[in-house]
Amino acid sequence: MTENSIDELMKWVISVDRRLILMQSMKKHTAVRASDIAHEASRSTQNISRALKELEDRGLIECLTPEKTTWKKYMLTDKGKTVLEKLEGKYL
């Protein structure tokens, strides 16, 4: 993972506020569920679920309970932790 790719991912995260909200929540919690973040951030569960899918597709988070259809839990990957570290202080 190059510094350039981390910077690109960081820009991608901050370009949409739901992604930034999700990273903020990941900073506070080891594992998260869409409904918990939605409640915490006063957003719809659908909005947060979309952000989770986007971050999962980019390899920033992983699903801990892929066999479930609802109430899935997610946590940061190593790549996600690196991006979060870059976001801290500046954007979070």
Protein backbone atom coordinates (compact mmCIF):
# COMPACT_ATOMS: atom_id res chain seq x y z
CA MET A 1 0.00 0.00 0.00
CA THR A 2 1.62 3.21 -1.11
CA GLU A 3 1.38 6.62 0.53
CA ASN A 4 -0.33 7.82 -2.64
CA SER A 5 -3.06 5.18 -2.45
CA ILE A 6 -3.68 6.01 1.24
CA ASP A 7 -4.01 9.70 0.33
CA GLU A 8 -6.45 8.82 -2.46
CA LEU A 9 -8.55 6.72 -0.07
CA MET A 10 -8.49 9.53 2.48
CA LYS A 11 -9.78 11.99 -0.14
CA TRP A 12 -12.42 9.48 -1.18
CA VAL A 13 -13.63 9.12 2.45
CA ILE A 14 -13.87 12.85 3.10
CA SER A 15 -15.67 13.52 -0.19
CA VAL A 16 -18.95 12.13 1.22
CA ASP A 17 -20.04 12.97 4.75
CA ARG A 18 -21.62 9.57 5.50
CA ARG A 19 -18.20 7.94 4.99
CA LEU A 20 -16.59 10.44 7.35
CA ILE A 21 -19.35 9.81 9.93
CA LEU A 22 -18.66 6.10 9.64
CA MET A 23 -14.91 6.53 10.14
CA GLN A 24 -15.62 8.78 13.15
CA SER A 25 -17.71 5.99 14.65
CA MET A 26 -15.04 3.39 13.89
CA LYS A 27 -12.61 5.55 15.84
CA LYS A 28 -14.79 5.18 18.96
CA HIS A 29 -15.88 1.54 18.62
CA THR A 30 -14.04 -1.68 17.77
CA ALA A 31 -17.05 -3.20 15.99
CA VAL A 32 -20.11 -1.36 14.69
CA ARG A 33 -23.57 -2.04 13.31
CA ALA A 34 -25.36 0.19 10.82
CA SER A 35 -28.30 0.79 13.16
CA ASP A 36 -26.03 1.89 16.02
CA ILE A 37 -24.16 4.41 13.86
CA ALA A 38 -27.41 5.65 12.30
CA HIS A 39 -28.88 6.30 15.74
CA GLU A 40 -25.68 7.94 17.01
CA ALA A 41 -25.37 10.20 13.93
CA SER A 42 -29.11 10.88 13.40
CA ARG A 43 -28.95 9.32 9.94
CA SER A 44 -31.05 6.64 8.30
CA THR A 45 -29.88 3.05 8.61
CA GLN A 46 -30.03 2.83 4.82
CA ASN A 47 -27.63 5.79 4.49
CA ILE A 48 -25.13 4.23 6.89
CA SER A 49 -25.54 0.76 5.33
CA ARG A 50 -24.56 2.26 1.99
CA ALA A 51 -21.45 3.79 3.54
CA LEU A 52 -20.55 0.44 5.10
CA LYS A 53 -20.86 -1.25 1.71
CA GLU A 54 -18.71 1.45 0.08
CA LEU A 55 -15.97 1.11 2.70
CA GLU A 56 -16.13 -2.67 2.55
CA ASP A 57 -15.77 -2.59 -1.26
CA ARG A 58 -12.60 -0.47 -0.85
CA GLY A 59 -11.17 -2.86 1.74
CA LEU A 60 -11.32 -0.39 4.64
CA ILE A 61 -13.67 -2.48 6.77
CA GLU A 62 -14.67 -6.12 6.95
CA CYS A 63 -17.87 -7.82 8.02
CA LEU A 64 -17.50 -9.99 11.13
CA THR A 65 -20.86 -11.70 10.58
CA PRO A 66 -21.22 -12.23 6.80
CA GLU A 67 -23.59 -15.16 7.31
CA LYS A 68 -26.20 -12.84 8.83
CA THR A 69 -28.63 -10.87 6.69
CA THR A 70 -29.32 -8.21 9.33
CA TRP A 71 -27.50 -6.79 12.35
CA LYS A 72 -24.12 -7.33 10.71
CA LYS A 73 -21.05 -6.14 12.59
CA TYR A 74 -18.06 -4.50 10.95
CA MET A 75 -14.54 -3.59 11.98
CA LEU A 76 -11.62 -1.76 10.40
CA THR A 77 -9.04 -3.63 8.37
CA ASP A 78 -5.35 -2.72 8.59
CA LYS A 79 -5.83 -0.53 5.51
CA GLY A 80 -8.81 1.14 7.21
CA LYS A 81 -6.76 1.77 10.36
CA THR A 82 -4.05 3.44 8.29
CA VAL A 83 -6.60 5.72 6.60
CA LEU A 84 -8.20 6.51 9.98
CA GLU A 85 -4.81 7.49 11.42
CA LYS A 86 -4.31 9.92 8.50
CA LEU A 87 -7.79 11.39 9.03
CA GLU A 88 -7.31 11.95 12.77
CA GLY A 89 -6.51 15.48 13.78
CA LYS A 90 -7.28 16.94 10.36
CA TYR A 91 -10.81 15.70 9.73
CA LEU A 92 -11.90 13.77 12.84
